[in-house]
N, C-alpha and C. Protein backbone atom coordinates (compact mmCIF):
# COMPACT_ATOMS: atom_id res chain seq x y z
N MET A 1 -3.94 -5.83 -11.89
CA MET A 1 -2.82 -6.05 -12.77
C MET A 1 -2.02 -7.23 -12.24
N GLN A 2 -1.84 -8.23 -13.05
CA GLN A 2 -1.05 -9.42 -12.70
C GLN A 2 0.38 -9.20 -13.16
N ILE A 3 1.33 -9.37 -12.26
CA ILE A 3 2.73 -9.13 -12.58
C ILE A 3 3.49 -10.45 -12.51
N SER A 4 4.20 -10.77 -13.58
CA SER A 4 5.01 -11.98 -13.56
C SER A 4 6.47 -11.69 -13.87
N ASP A 5 6.75 -10.55 -14.49
CA ASP A 5 8.11 -10.19 -14.86
C ASP A 5 8.91 -9.80 -13.61
N PRO A 6 9.98 -10.55 -13.30
CA PRO A 6 10.78 -10.21 -12.10
C PRO A 6 11.30 -8.77 -12.12
N LYS A 7 11.60 -8.23 -13.31
CA LYS A 7 12.09 -6.85 -13.39
C LYS A 7 10.99 -5.87 -13.00
N ALA A 8 9.75 -6.15 -13.38
CA ALA A 8 8.63 -5.29 -13.01
C ALA A 8 8.38 -5.36 -11.50
N ILE A 9 8.47 -6.55 -10.95
CA ILE A 9 8.31 -6.72 -9.50
C ILE A 9 9.41 -5.96 -8.78
N ARG A 10 10.64 -6.10 -9.27
CA ARG A 10 11.78 -5.40 -8.68
C ARG A 10 11.58 -3.88 -8.76
N ALA A 11 10.97 -3.42 -9.86
CA ALA A 11 10.73 -1.97 -10.02
C ALA A 11 9.81 -1.44 -8.93
N LEU A 12 8.93 -2.27 -8.41
CA LEU A 12 8.02 -1.85 -7.34
C LEU A 12 8.67 -1.88 -5.97
N ALA A 13 9.74 -2.63 -5.83
CA ALA A 13 10.33 -2.87 -4.52
C ALA A 13 11.16 -1.69 -4.04
N HIS A 14 10.55 -0.53 -4.05
CA HIS A 14 11.19 0.70 -3.56
C HIS A 14 10.11 1.52 -2.86
N PRO A 15 10.34 1.92 -1.63
CA PRO A 15 9.29 2.62 -0.87
C PRO A 15 8.75 3.88 -1.57
N LEU A 16 9.63 4.69 -2.18
CA LEU A 16 9.16 5.91 -2.83
C LEU A 16 8.26 5.58 -4.02
N ARG A 17 8.56 4.52 -4.73
CA ARG A 17 7.72 4.15 -5.87
C ARG A 17 6.33 3.72 -5.40
N LEU A 18 6.28 3.01 -4.30
CA LEU A 18 4.98 2.63 -3.74
C LEU A 18 4.24 3.87 -3.24
N ASP A 19 4.98 4.81 -2.64
CA ASP A 19 4.37 6.07 -2.19
C ASP A 19 3.80 6.84 -3.38
N LEU A 20 4.55 6.89 -4.48
CA LEU A 20 4.09 7.60 -5.67
C LEU A 20 2.83 6.96 -6.24
N LEU A 21 2.80 5.64 -6.30
CA LEU A 21 1.59 4.95 -6.79
C LEU A 21 0.39 5.26 -5.91
N GLU A 22 0.59 5.18 -4.60
CA GLU A 22 -0.50 5.46 -3.68
C GLU A 22 -0.97 6.91 -3.80
N LEU A 23 -0.03 7.84 -3.90
CA LEU A 23 -0.38 9.26 -4.01
C LEU A 23 -1.18 9.52 -5.29
N LEU A 24 -0.70 9.02 -6.42
CA LEU A 24 -1.41 9.25 -7.68
C LEU A 24 -2.78 8.59 -7.69
N ALA A 25 -2.89 7.44 -7.06
CA ALA A 25 -4.20 6.78 -6.97
C ALA A 25 -5.15 7.58 -6.07
N THR A 26 -4.59 8.31 -5.13
CA THR A 26 -5.40 9.09 -4.18
C THR A 26 -5.79 10.46 -4.73
N ILE A 27 -4.82 11.19 -5.29
CA ILE A 27 -5.10 12.57 -5.69
C ILE A 27 -5.32 12.74 -7.18
N GLY A 28 -5.02 11.72 -7.96
CA GLY A 28 -5.16 11.84 -9.41
C GLY A 28 -3.89 12.37 -10.04
N PRO A 29 -3.97 12.81 -11.28
CA PRO A 29 -2.78 13.26 -12.00
C PRO A 29 -2.03 14.35 -11.25
N ALA A 30 -0.69 14.22 -11.27
CA ALA A 30 0.15 15.21 -10.58
C ALA A 30 1.51 15.24 -11.26
N THR A 31 2.18 16.37 -11.12
CA THR A 31 3.54 16.51 -11.64
C THR A 31 4.53 15.93 -10.63
N ALA A 32 5.74 15.71 -11.09
CA ALA A 32 6.80 15.24 -10.19
C ALA A 32 7.04 16.26 -9.08
N ALA A 33 6.92 17.54 -9.41
CA ALA A 33 7.12 18.60 -8.41
C ALA A 33 6.08 18.50 -7.30
N ARG A 34 4.82 18.33 -7.69
CA ARG A 34 3.76 18.22 -6.67
C ARG A 34 3.97 16.96 -5.84
N CYS A 35 4.29 15.85 -6.49
CA CYS A 35 4.55 14.61 -5.74
C CYS A 35 5.68 14.83 -4.74
N GLY A 36 6.73 15.51 -5.18
CA GLY A 36 7.86 15.77 -4.29
C GLY A 36 7.47 16.61 -3.08
N ARG A 37 6.65 17.64 -3.31
CA ARG A 37 6.19 18.48 -2.19
C ARG A 37 5.38 17.67 -1.19
N VAL A 38 4.46 16.86 -1.69
CA VAL A 38 3.59 16.08 -0.80
C VAL A 38 4.38 15.02 -0.05
N LEU A 39 5.31 14.36 -0.74
CA LEU A 39 6.04 13.24 -0.15
C LEU A 39 7.34 13.65 0.53
N GLY A 40 7.70 14.92 0.44
CA GLY A 40 8.93 15.37 1.08
C GLY A 40 10.18 14.85 0.38
N SER A 41 10.13 14.74 -0.94
CA SER A 41 11.25 14.27 -1.73
C SER A 41 11.53 15.29 -2.82
N SER A 42 12.68 15.22 -3.44
CA SER A 42 13.00 16.19 -4.48
C SER A 42 12.22 15.88 -5.77
N GLN A 43 12.01 16.93 -6.55
CA GLN A 43 11.33 16.77 -7.83
C GLN A 43 12.12 15.82 -8.73
N ALA A 44 13.44 15.95 -8.75
CA ALA A 44 14.28 15.10 -9.60
C ALA A 44 14.15 13.63 -9.20
N ASN A 45 14.14 13.38 -7.90
CA ASN A 45 14.01 12.01 -7.41
C ASN A 45 12.65 11.43 -7.81
N CYS A 46 11.60 12.19 -7.61
CA CYS A 46 10.26 11.73 -7.99
C CYS A 46 10.17 11.51 -9.50
N SER A 47 10.75 12.42 -10.26
CA SER A 47 10.72 12.30 -11.72
C SER A 47 11.40 11.01 -12.17
N PHE A 48 12.55 10.71 -11.59
CA PHE A 48 13.27 9.48 -11.93
C PHE A 48 12.42 8.25 -11.62
N HIS A 49 11.85 8.20 -10.43
CA HIS A 49 11.07 7.02 -10.03
C HIS A 49 9.77 6.91 -10.81
N LEU A 50 9.17 8.03 -11.17
CA LEU A 50 7.96 7.99 -12.01
C LEU A 50 8.29 7.42 -13.39
N ARG A 51 9.43 7.81 -13.95
CA ARG A 51 9.83 7.26 -15.25
C ARG A 51 10.07 5.75 -15.15
N GLN A 52 10.65 5.31 -14.04
CA GLN A 52 10.86 3.87 -13.86
C GLN A 52 9.53 3.13 -13.76
N LEU A 53 8.58 3.70 -13.05
CA LEU A 53 7.25 3.09 -12.95
C LEU A 53 6.56 3.07 -14.32
N ALA A 54 6.75 4.12 -15.10
CA ALA A 54 6.14 4.19 -16.43
C ALA A 54 6.73 3.13 -17.36
N LYS A 55 7.99 2.84 -17.19
CA LYS A 55 8.67 1.84 -18.02
C LYS A 55 7.96 0.48 -17.95
N TYR A 56 7.34 0.18 -16.81
CA TYR A 56 6.66 -1.10 -16.61
C TYR A 56 5.14 -0.97 -16.62
N GLY A 57 4.64 0.21 -16.98
CA GLY A 57 3.20 0.40 -17.13
C GLY A 57 2.43 0.67 -15.85
N PHE A 58 3.14 0.97 -14.75
CA PHE A 58 2.45 1.24 -13.49
C PHE A 58 1.87 2.65 -13.45
N VAL A 59 2.51 3.58 -14.15
CA VAL A 59 1.99 4.94 -14.31
C VAL A 59 2.11 5.31 -15.79
N GLU A 60 1.40 6.39 -16.16
CA GLU A 60 1.47 6.84 -17.55
C GLU A 60 1.42 8.36 -17.60
N ASP A 61 1.84 8.89 -18.73
CA ASP A 61 1.82 10.33 -18.97
C ASP A 61 0.37 10.80 -19.00
N ALA A 62 0.08 11.86 -18.27
CA ALA A 62 -1.29 12.40 -18.23
C ALA A 62 -1.35 13.77 -18.90
N GLY A 63 -0.36 14.08 -19.72
CA GLY A 63 -0.37 15.37 -20.40
C GLY A 63 0.32 16.44 -19.58
N PRO A 64 0.40 17.63 -20.14
CA PRO A 64 1.10 18.71 -19.45
C PRO A 64 0.35 19.20 -18.22
N GLY A 65 1.12 19.75 -17.29
CA GLY A 65 0.53 20.34 -16.09
C GLY A 65 -0.06 21.70 -16.40
N ARG A 66 -0.47 22.41 -15.36
CA ARG A 66 -1.11 23.71 -15.54
C ARG A 66 -0.22 24.72 -16.26
N ASP A 67 1.08 24.66 -15.96
CA ASP A 67 1.97 25.64 -16.59
C ASP A 67 2.45 25.18 -17.97
N ARG A 68 2.02 24.01 -18.40
CA ARG A 68 2.33 23.45 -19.72
C ARG A 68 3.81 23.10 -19.90
N ARG A 69 4.62 23.27 -18.86
CA ARG A 69 6.05 22.94 -18.97
C ARG A 69 6.35 21.58 -18.38
N GLU A 70 5.58 21.17 -17.41
CA GLU A 70 5.84 19.92 -16.70
C GLU A 70 4.80 18.88 -17.06
N ARG A 71 5.23 17.67 -17.19
CA ARG A 71 4.30 16.58 -17.49
C ARG A 71 3.63 16.12 -16.20
N GLN A 72 2.40 15.71 -16.32
CA GLN A 72 1.67 15.10 -15.21
C GLN A 72 1.71 13.58 -15.39
N TRP A 73 1.60 12.90 -14.28
CA TRP A 73 1.58 11.43 -14.27
C TRP A 73 0.28 10.96 -13.64
N ARG A 74 -0.18 9.78 -14.02
CA ARG A 74 -1.36 9.18 -13.42
C ARG A 74 -1.20 7.67 -13.42
N VAL A 75 -1.99 7.02 -12.58
CA VAL A 75 -2.05 5.56 -12.63
C VAL A 75 -3.13 5.20 -13.65
N PRO A 76 -2.87 4.20 -14.48
CA PRO A 76 -3.88 3.82 -15.48
C PRO A 76 -5.21 3.41 -14.87
N ASP A 77 -5.16 2.79 -13.71
CA ASP A 77 -6.36 2.36 -13.00
C ASP A 77 -6.32 3.04 -11.64
N ARG A 78 -7.35 3.82 -11.30
CA ARG A 78 -7.35 4.56 -10.03
C ARG A 78 -7.32 3.64 -8.82
N ARG A 79 -7.62 2.38 -9.01
CA ARG A 79 -7.54 1.43 -7.90
C ARG A 79 -6.58 0.31 -8.30
N PRO A 80 -5.29 0.61 -8.32
CA PRO A 80 -4.36 -0.42 -8.78
C PRO A 80 -4.33 -1.59 -7.81
N ALA A 81 -4.68 -2.75 -8.31
CA ALA A 81 -4.60 -3.98 -7.53
C ALA A 81 -3.49 -4.80 -8.15
N LEU A 82 -2.36 -4.81 -7.51
CA LEU A 82 -1.22 -5.52 -8.04
C LEU A 82 -1.15 -6.91 -7.44
N ARG A 83 -1.04 -7.90 -8.30
CA ARG A 83 -0.93 -9.28 -7.85
C ARG A 83 0.29 -9.91 -8.50
N ILE A 84 1.09 -10.55 -7.69
CA ILE A 84 2.26 -11.26 -8.20
C ILE A 84 1.78 -12.62 -8.70
N ALA A 85 2.11 -12.93 -9.94
CA ALA A 85 1.69 -14.21 -10.53
C ALA A 85 2.35 -15.37 -9.79
N ALA A 86 1.59 -16.44 -9.63
CA ALA A 86 2.13 -17.64 -8.99
C ALA A 86 3.28 -18.18 -9.82
N GLY A 87 4.25 -18.74 -9.13
CA GLY A 87 5.38 -19.32 -9.83
C GLY A 87 6.46 -18.32 -10.20
N GLY A 88 6.31 -17.08 -9.75
CA GLY A 88 7.31 -16.05 -10.04
C GLY A 88 8.57 -16.26 -9.21
N ASP A 89 9.51 -15.38 -9.38
CA ASP A 89 10.77 -15.43 -8.66
C ASP A 89 10.49 -15.20 -7.17
N ALA A 90 10.69 -16.23 -6.35
CA ALA A 90 10.35 -16.17 -4.92
C ALA A 90 11.18 -15.13 -4.18
N VAL A 91 12.45 -14.98 -4.54
CA VAL A 91 13.31 -14.01 -3.87
C VAL A 91 12.83 -12.59 -4.14
N VAL A 92 12.51 -12.30 -5.39
CA VAL A 92 12.03 -10.96 -5.76
C VAL A 92 10.69 -10.69 -5.10
N THR A 93 9.81 -11.69 -5.09
CA THR A 93 8.49 -11.53 -4.46
C THR A 93 8.64 -11.23 -2.97
N ARG A 94 9.50 -11.97 -2.28
CA ARG A 94 9.72 -11.72 -0.85
C ARG A 94 10.28 -10.32 -0.61
N ARG A 95 11.14 -9.88 -1.51
CA ARG A 95 11.72 -8.53 -1.37
C ARG A 95 10.62 -7.48 -1.46
N LEU A 96 9.72 -7.62 -2.42
CA LEU A 96 8.61 -6.67 -2.56
C LEU A 96 7.71 -6.74 -1.33
N GLN A 97 7.40 -7.94 -0.86
CA GLN A 97 6.55 -8.08 0.33
C GLN A 97 7.20 -7.40 1.53
N ARG A 98 8.49 -7.55 1.68
CA ARG A 98 9.20 -6.92 2.79
C ARG A 98 9.12 -5.39 2.70
N VAL A 99 9.31 -4.84 1.51
CA VAL A 99 9.23 -3.39 1.33
C VAL A 99 7.82 -2.90 1.68
N VAL A 100 6.79 -3.62 1.24
CA VAL A 100 5.41 -3.22 1.54
C VAL A 100 5.17 -3.22 3.05
N VAL A 101 5.58 -4.29 3.73
CA VAL A 101 5.35 -4.38 5.18
C VAL A 101 6.14 -3.29 5.91
N GLU A 102 7.39 -3.07 5.53
CA GLU A 102 8.20 -2.03 6.19
C GLU A 102 7.58 -0.65 5.97
N ARG A 103 7.09 -0.40 4.78
CA ARG A 103 6.47 0.89 4.45
C ARG A 103 5.20 1.10 5.26
N GLU A 104 4.36 0.10 5.35
CA GLU A 104 3.12 0.22 6.11
C GLU A 104 3.41 0.36 7.60
N THR A 105 4.38 -0.40 8.09
CA THR A 105 4.77 -0.30 9.50
C THR A 105 5.29 1.10 9.80
N GLN A 106 6.10 1.66 8.90
CA GLN A 106 6.62 3.01 9.11
C GLN A 106 5.49 4.03 9.13
N ALA A 107 4.49 3.85 8.27
CA ALA A 107 3.35 4.77 8.26
C ALA A 107 2.60 4.72 9.60
N ILE A 108 2.46 3.54 10.17
CA ILE A 108 1.80 3.39 11.47
C ILE A 108 2.63 4.09 12.56
N LEU A 109 3.94 3.85 12.55
CA LEU A 109 4.82 4.47 13.54
C LEU A 109 4.84 6.00 13.39
N ASP A 110 4.84 6.48 12.15
CA ASP A 110 4.79 7.93 11.93
C ASP A 110 3.51 8.53 12.51
N HIS A 111 2.40 7.83 12.34
CA HIS A 111 1.12 8.31 12.90
C HIS A 111 1.19 8.37 14.43
N ILE A 112 1.76 7.34 15.02
CA ILE A 112 1.89 7.31 16.48
C ILE A 112 2.77 8.47 16.94
N ASP A 113 3.88 8.70 16.24
CA ASP A 113 4.81 9.78 16.62
C ASP A 113 4.17 11.16 16.48
N ARG A 114 3.26 11.31 15.52
CA ARG A 114 2.58 12.60 15.35
C ARG A 114 1.62 12.87 16.52
N GLY A 115 1.23 11.82 17.21
CA GLY A 115 0.34 11.98 18.37
C GLY A 115 -1.06 12.45 18.01
N GLY A 116 -1.49 12.15 16.82
CA GLY A 116 -2.84 12.54 16.42
C GLY A 116 -2.88 13.87 15.71
N GLY A 117 -1.98 14.80 16.09
CA GLY A 117 -1.93 16.10 15.42
C GLY A 117 -3.29 16.78 15.37
N ASP A 118 -3.72 17.17 14.17
CA ASP A 118 -5.00 17.85 13.99
C ASP A 118 -6.15 16.86 13.93
N GLU A 119 -5.88 15.60 14.12
CA GLU A 119 -6.90 14.57 13.94
C GLU A 119 -7.49 14.11 15.27
N GLN A 120 -7.65 15.01 16.24
CA GLN A 120 -8.14 14.63 17.55
C GLN A 120 -9.54 14.05 17.51
N ALA A 121 -10.32 14.42 16.51
CA ALA A 121 -11.66 13.84 16.37
C ALA A 121 -11.59 12.35 16.09
N TRP A 122 -10.41 11.89 15.66
CA TRP A 122 -10.22 10.48 15.32
C TRP A 122 -9.75 9.65 16.51
N ASP A 123 -9.36 10.31 17.61
CA ASP A 123 -8.87 9.57 18.77
C ASP A 123 -9.87 8.50 19.18
N HIS A 124 -9.38 7.31 19.36
CA HIS A 124 -10.15 6.16 19.82
C HIS A 124 -11.24 5.72 18.83
N LYS A 125 -11.22 6.23 17.62
CA LYS A 125 -12.21 5.81 16.62
C LYS A 125 -11.56 4.98 15.53
N ALA A 126 -10.38 5.36 15.10
CA ALA A 126 -9.67 4.56 14.11
C ALA A 126 -8.79 3.59 14.89
N GLY A 127 -7.51 3.64 14.73
CA GLY A 127 -6.62 2.86 15.57
C GLY A 127 -6.30 1.48 15.05
N MET A 128 -5.84 0.64 15.96
CA MET A 128 -5.34 -0.68 15.59
C MET A 128 -6.19 -1.78 16.22
N VAL A 129 -6.19 -2.90 15.53
CA VAL A 129 -6.83 -4.11 16.04
C VAL A 129 -5.83 -5.23 15.87
N THR A 130 -5.65 -6.01 16.90
CA THR A 130 -4.77 -7.16 16.82
C THR A 130 -5.47 -8.34 17.47
N ALA A 131 -5.29 -9.50 16.91
CA ALA A 131 -5.96 -10.69 17.44
C ALA A 131 -5.25 -11.94 16.96
N VAL A 132 -5.49 -13.02 17.66
CA VAL A 132 -5.07 -14.34 17.21
C VAL A 132 -6.35 -15.13 17.01
N ALA A 133 -6.55 -15.63 15.81
CA ALA A 133 -7.76 -16.39 15.48
C ALA A 133 -7.37 -17.80 15.04
N VAL A 134 -8.28 -18.73 15.22
CA VAL A 134 -8.06 -20.10 14.75
C VAL A 134 -8.81 -20.25 13.43
N LEU A 135 -8.05 -20.44 12.35
CA LEU A 135 -8.62 -20.51 11.01
C LEU A 135 -7.94 -21.58 10.17
N SER A 136 -8.66 -22.09 9.21
CA SER A 136 -8.03 -22.91 8.17
C SER A 136 -7.56 -21.95 7.08
N ALA A 137 -6.77 -22.44 6.13
CA ALA A 137 -6.31 -21.60 5.03
C ALA A 137 -7.50 -21.07 4.24
N ASP A 138 -8.51 -21.89 4.02
CA ASP A 138 -9.70 -21.46 3.28
C ASP A 138 -10.46 -20.39 4.06
N GLU A 139 -10.55 -20.54 5.38
CA GLU A 139 -11.24 -19.53 6.19
C GLU A 139 -10.47 -18.21 6.18
N ALA A 140 -9.13 -18.29 6.18
CA ALA A 140 -8.31 -17.07 6.12
C ALA A 140 -8.55 -16.36 4.79
N ALA A 141 -8.64 -17.12 3.71
CA ALA A 141 -8.92 -16.53 2.40
C ALA A 141 -10.30 -15.88 2.38
N GLU A 142 -11.28 -16.54 3.00
CA GLU A 142 -12.64 -15.99 3.07
C GLU A 142 -12.65 -14.68 3.88
N LEU A 143 -11.94 -14.68 5.01
CA LEU A 143 -11.87 -13.47 5.85
C LEU A 143 -11.23 -12.32 5.08
N LYS A 144 -10.18 -12.61 4.34
CA LYS A 144 -9.52 -11.58 3.52
C LYS A 144 -10.50 -10.99 2.50
N GLU A 145 -11.26 -11.84 1.83
CA GLU A 145 -12.23 -11.36 0.84
C GLU A 145 -13.34 -10.54 1.50
N ARG A 146 -13.79 -10.96 2.68
CA ARG A 146 -14.82 -10.21 3.40
C ARG A 146 -14.29 -8.85 3.85
N TRP A 147 -13.04 -8.82 4.27
CA TRP A 147 -12.40 -7.57 4.69
C TRP A 147 -12.33 -6.61 3.50
N LYS A 148 -11.91 -7.12 2.34
CA LYS A 148 -11.86 -6.29 1.14
C LYS A 148 -13.24 -5.80 0.74
N ALA A 149 -14.24 -6.65 0.86
CA ALA A 149 -15.62 -6.26 0.52
C ALA A 149 -16.13 -5.18 1.48
N LEU A 150 -15.75 -5.26 2.74
CA LEU A 150 -16.14 -4.25 3.72
C LEU A 150 -15.56 -2.87 3.37
N LEU A 151 -14.33 -2.85 2.89
CA LEU A 151 -13.68 -1.59 2.52
C LEU A 151 -14.12 -1.05 1.16
N GLU A 152 -14.66 -1.92 0.32
CA GLU A 152 -15.00 -1.56 -1.06
C GLU A 152 -15.75 -0.24 -1.23
N PRO A 153 -16.82 0.00 -0.50
CA PRO A 153 -17.54 1.27 -0.73
C PRO A 153 -16.69 2.51 -0.45
N TYR A 154 -15.73 2.38 0.44
CA TYR A 154 -14.89 3.52 0.81
C TYR A 154 -13.72 3.69 -0.14
N THR A 155 -13.15 2.59 -0.61
CA THR A 155 -12.06 2.69 -1.58
C THR A 155 -12.59 3.14 -2.94
N THR A 156 -13.85 2.87 -3.22
CA THR A 156 -14.47 3.31 -4.47
C THR A 156 -14.52 4.83 -4.53
N ARG A 157 -14.68 5.48 -3.40
CA ARG A 157 -14.68 6.95 -3.37
C ARG A 157 -13.37 7.51 -3.92
N THR A 158 -12.27 6.93 -3.49
CA THR A 158 -10.96 7.37 -3.96
C THR A 158 -10.80 7.08 -5.44
N ALA A 159 -11.24 5.90 -5.85
CA ALA A 159 -11.06 5.48 -7.24
C ALA A 159 -11.84 6.33 -8.22
N SER A 160 -12.97 6.86 -7.80
CA SER A 160 -13.79 7.65 -8.72
C SER A 160 -13.11 8.96 -9.10
N GLY A 161 -12.26 9.45 -8.21
CA GLY A 161 -11.56 10.69 -8.50
C GLY A 161 -12.43 11.93 -8.37
N SER A 162 -13.72 11.75 -8.19
CA SER A 162 -14.62 12.90 -8.13
C SER A 162 -15.04 13.23 -6.71
N HIS A 163 -14.69 12.35 -5.78
CA HIS A 163 -15.12 12.56 -4.39
C HIS A 163 -14.26 13.62 -3.72
N GLN A 164 -14.88 14.72 -3.37
CA GLN A 164 -14.20 15.76 -2.61
C GLN A 164 -14.37 15.44 -1.14
N LEU A 165 -13.29 15.64 -0.38
CA LEU A 165 -13.37 15.39 1.05
C LEU A 165 -14.36 16.35 1.68
N GLU A 166 -15.23 15.79 2.49
CA GLU A 166 -16.18 16.59 3.25
C GLU A 166 -15.56 16.91 4.61
N PRO A 167 -16.10 17.89 5.32
CA PRO A 167 -15.54 18.20 6.64
C PRO A 167 -15.50 16.94 7.51
N GLY A 168 -14.34 16.72 8.14
CA GLY A 168 -14.17 15.56 9.00
C GLY A 168 -13.63 14.33 8.29
N GLN A 169 -13.56 14.36 6.98
CA GLN A 169 -13.04 13.21 6.24
C GLN A 169 -11.55 13.38 5.97
N LEU A 170 -10.85 12.27 6.01
CA LEU A 170 -9.43 12.20 5.66
C LEU A 170 -9.21 10.94 4.83
N HIS A 171 -8.12 10.89 4.11
CA HIS A 171 -7.73 9.63 3.49
C HIS A 171 -7.13 8.77 4.61
N VAL A 172 -7.57 7.55 4.72
CA VAL A 172 -7.14 6.66 5.81
C VAL A 172 -6.53 5.40 5.22
N ARG A 173 -5.35 5.05 5.70
CA ARG A 173 -4.66 3.85 5.23
C ARG A 173 -5.18 2.64 6.00
N TYR A 174 -5.35 1.55 5.30
CA TYR A 174 -5.67 0.26 5.93
C TYR A 174 -4.66 -0.76 5.46
N PHE A 175 -4.27 -1.61 6.35
CA PHE A 175 -3.29 -2.65 6.05
C PHE A 175 -3.72 -3.91 6.79
N MET A 176 -3.85 -4.99 6.08
CA MET A 176 -4.21 -6.26 6.71
C MET A 176 -3.12 -7.28 6.41
N ALA A 177 -2.72 -7.99 7.41
CA ALA A 177 -1.76 -9.07 7.23
C ALA A 177 -2.20 -10.25 8.09
N ALA A 178 -2.41 -11.37 7.47
CA ALA A 178 -2.72 -12.60 8.20
C ALA A 178 -1.47 -13.45 8.14
N THR A 179 -0.84 -13.64 9.27
CA THR A 179 0.42 -14.37 9.31
C THR A 179 0.27 -15.61 10.19
N PRO A 180 0.23 -16.79 9.57
CA PRO A 180 0.09 -18.02 10.36
C PRO A 180 1.23 -18.18 11.36
N MET A 181 0.87 -18.57 12.54
CA MET A 181 1.85 -18.80 13.59
C MET A 181 2.36 -20.24 13.48
N PRO A 182 3.49 -20.53 14.10
CA PRO A 182 3.97 -21.92 14.08
C PRO A 182 2.95 -22.84 14.75
N ASP A 183 2.98 -24.09 14.38
CA ASP A 183 2.10 -25.08 15.00
C ASP A 183 2.69 -25.46 16.36
N PHE A 184 2.15 -24.88 17.43
CA PHE A 184 2.68 -25.11 18.77
C PHE A 184 2.43 -26.54 19.24
N ASN A 185 1.44 -27.21 18.68
CA ASN A 185 1.12 -28.57 19.09
C ASN A 185 2.01 -29.61 18.46
N SER A 186 2.82 -29.24 17.49
CA SER A 186 3.66 -30.23 16.81
C SER A 186 4.96 -30.48 17.54
N ARG A 187 5.23 -29.70 18.58
CA ARG A 187 6.47 -29.89 19.35
C ARG A 187 6.38 -31.19 20.13
N ASP A 188 7.51 -31.82 20.31
CA ASP A 188 7.57 -33.05 21.06
C ASP A 188 7.58 -32.72 22.56
N ASP A 189 6.41 -32.82 23.18
CA ASP A 189 6.29 -32.45 24.59
C ASP A 189 6.90 -33.49 25.52
N ASP A 190 7.21 -34.68 25.00
CA ASP A 190 7.78 -35.72 25.85
C ASP A 190 9.18 -35.38 26.34
N ASP A 191 9.87 -34.52 25.61
CA ASP A 191 11.24 -34.17 25.99
C ASP A 191 11.28 -33.07 27.04
N GLU A 192 10.14 -32.47 27.30
CA GLU A 192 10.11 -31.39 28.29
C GLU A 192 9.73 -31.96 29.65
N SER A 193 10.35 -31.41 30.65
CA SER A 193 9.98 -31.82 32.00
C SER A 193 9.66 -30.59 32.80
N ASP A 194 8.91 -30.80 33.84
CA ASP A 194 8.53 -29.69 34.71
C ASP A 194 9.55 -29.45 35.82
N ASP A 195 10.64 -30.21 35.82
CA ASP A 195 11.64 -30.07 36.89
C ASP A 195 12.37 -28.78 36.83
């Protein structure tokens, strides 16, 4: 989904809304009450944010829930790929990027604080990778596409909606950020002395 409307971009720039999108893409249709239980938020709060997401087409009504009193929500595409259109409002785009990074960082910190919990089988198997690589902009774009292609078979399981978790399987978050560092060679070294 290509987004160019600053109001739609702004609608996404809220951590709970991103959590709701991710949850619905992972578990399929759910009521605001179920979303609230899973995310640790109130039903009313989830209901409000789901309606805001629906206003911009990020989620849609999926019919009544099991008790026929509550509406269920779903994402129109089980694998929502949101892209901000080039030339959009730079301030709004940066705000959304900041919310995404803060949300992903918090998820990593929450995992560390849990200390693995019931996921001891995962110790030293998942985890983090950090590196500094020398790349051109084109090579960075190629690496990003290769990384996405590597994850594709696994993200397809979630998107199908029919994959039941087998023993030992969990939903696992992945986050990639390639952030160019300053050009250290462009500094004027003549002004520095070793004295």
